[in-house]
Amino acid sequence: MSSYTSESVLEKFKSFSDLANNYGENGGHIPGRFMGMTIKKAGLLDKQIPEIENPISFFILYNKAASKLKQDNYPVFHKESIDYLIRLQHALIEK
């Protein structure tokens, strides 16, 4: 049995507040935090700040950051996915 089962993870926390505090440290959204830290590590945070209310730009910029840090093997989105997001962004801007 894997040591990463739900029960073994929950055993690390003595109370609900311990669990909530650990979870809250990541803002409740671990993939988004990972993507944001990748953008920051790649030195592209200054490009995201003006676009903070645009979720599409977040994905596109993450992909640029992950590609820039390719030696660290960050996961990247498939080109077709990014192309779709760019088309979607243009369609939303045109409305």
Protein backbone atom coordinates (compact mmCIF):
# COMPACT_ATOMS: atom_id res chain seq x y z
CA MET A 1 0.00 0.00 0.00
CA SER A 2 1.29 3.44 -0.95
CA SER A 3 2.42 5.80 1.78
CA TYR A 4 0.47 8.56 0.02
CA THR A 5 -3.03 7.30 0.71
CA SER A 6 -5.61 9.73 2.03
CA GLU A 7 -5.42 8.18 5.50
CA SER A 8 -1.64 8.50 5.73
CA VAL A 9 -1.78 12.12 4.60
CA LEU A 10 -4.50 12.98 7.10
CA GLU A 11 -2.57 11.30 9.93
CA LYS A 12 0.07 14.05 9.60
CA PHE A 13 -2.44 16.61 10.84
CA LYS A 14 -3.59 16.56 14.46
CA SER A 15 -6.61 18.76 13.91
CA PHE A 16 -8.69 20.34 11.19
CA SER A 17 -6.98 23.70 11.80
CA ASP A 18 -3.57 22.09 11.11
CA LEU A 19 -4.91 20.73 7.83
CA ALA A 20 -6.61 24.01 6.88
CA ASN A 21 -3.53 26.10 7.70
CA ASN A 22 -1.31 23.89 5.55
CA TYR A 23 -3.81 23.93 2.69
CA GLY A 24 -4.35 27.68 3.01
CA GLU A 25 -0.63 28.28 2.65
CA ASN A 26 -1.09 27.42 -1.01
CA GLY A 27 -4.11 29.66 -1.36
CA GLY A 28 -6.24 26.59 -1.88
CA HIS A 29 -5.06 26.30 -5.46
CA ILE A 30 -1.80 24.41 -5.75
CA PRO A 31 -1.58 24.25 -9.59
CA GLY A 32 -2.11 28.01 -9.86
CA ARG A 33 0.53 28.68 -7.25
CA PHE A 34 2.95 26.39 -9.10
CA MET A 35 2.24 28.20 -12.36
CA GLY A 36 2.66 31.62 -10.71
CA MET A 37 5.95 30.61 -9.13
CA THR A 38 7.14 29.36 -12.53
CA ILE A 39 6.28 32.72 -14.09
CA LYS A 40 8.19 34.48 -11.30
CA LYS A 41 11.20 32.14 -11.59
CA ALA A 42 11.39 32.83 -15.33
CA GLY A 43 11.50 36.58 -14.65
CA LEU A 44 8.16 37.22 -16.34
CA LEU A 45 6.11 38.41 -13.36
CA ASP A 46 6.22 42.02 -14.59
CA LYS A 47 4.37 40.88 -17.72
CA GLN A 48 1.60 39.17 -15.71
CA ILE A 49 0.86 41.97 -13.25
CA PRO A 50 -0.81 44.28 -15.83
CA GLU A 51 -2.87 41.29 -17.06
CA ILE A 52 -3.87 40.07 -13.59
CA GLU A 53 -7.58 39.99 -14.43
CA ASN A 54 -7.06 38.02 -17.65
CA PRO A 55 -6.97 34.28 -16.89
CA ILE A 56 -6.09 33.42 -20.47
CA SER A 57 -2.90 35.48 -20.34
CA PHE A 58 -1.92 33.59 -17.17
CA PHE A 59 -1.92 30.26 -19.06
CA ILE A 60 -0.14 31.71 -22.07
CA LEU A 61 2.52 33.38 -19.92
CA TYR A 62 2.98 30.23 -17.84
CA ASN A 63 3.66 28.31 -21.05
CA LYS A 64 6.29 30.89 -22.09
CA ALA A 65 7.89 30.65 -18.65
CA ALA A 66 7.89 26.84 -18.71
CA SER A 67 9.46 26.87 -22.17
CA LYS A 68 12.07 29.38 -21.00
CA LEU A 69 12.94 27.07 -18.09
CA LYS A 70 13.00 23.96 -20.28
CA GLN A 71 16.19 22.68 -18.62
CA ASP A 72 14.09 22.15 -15.46
CA ASN A 73 11.50 20.06 -17.37
CA TYR A 74 8.42 22.11 -16.50
CA PRO A 75 5.25 20.77 -18.09
CA VAL A 76 4.04 22.80 -21.06
CA PHE A 77 0.69 22.97 -22.76
CA HIS A 78 0.36 21.53 -26.24
CA LYS A 79 0.71 24.07 -29.05
CA GLU A 80 -2.88 23.42 -30.14
CA SER A 81 -4.12 24.30 -26.64
CA ILE A 82 -2.19 27.57 -26.58
CA ASP A 83 -3.34 28.42 -30.12
CA TYR A 84 -6.94 27.85 -29.01
CA LEU A 85 -6.48 30.11 -25.98
CA ILE A 86 -5.04 32.85 -28.19
CA ARG A 87 -8.00 32.57 -30.59
CA LEU A 88 -10.38 32.66 -27.63
CA GLN A 89 -8.67 35.74 -26.23
CA HIS A 90 -8.93 37.54 -29.59
CA ALA A 91 -12.62 36.60 -29.87
CA LEU A 92 -13.31 37.99 -26.40
CA ILE A 93 -11.47 41.21 -27.17
CA GLU A 94 -13.49 41.70 -30.38
CA LYS A 95 -16.82 41.56 -28.48
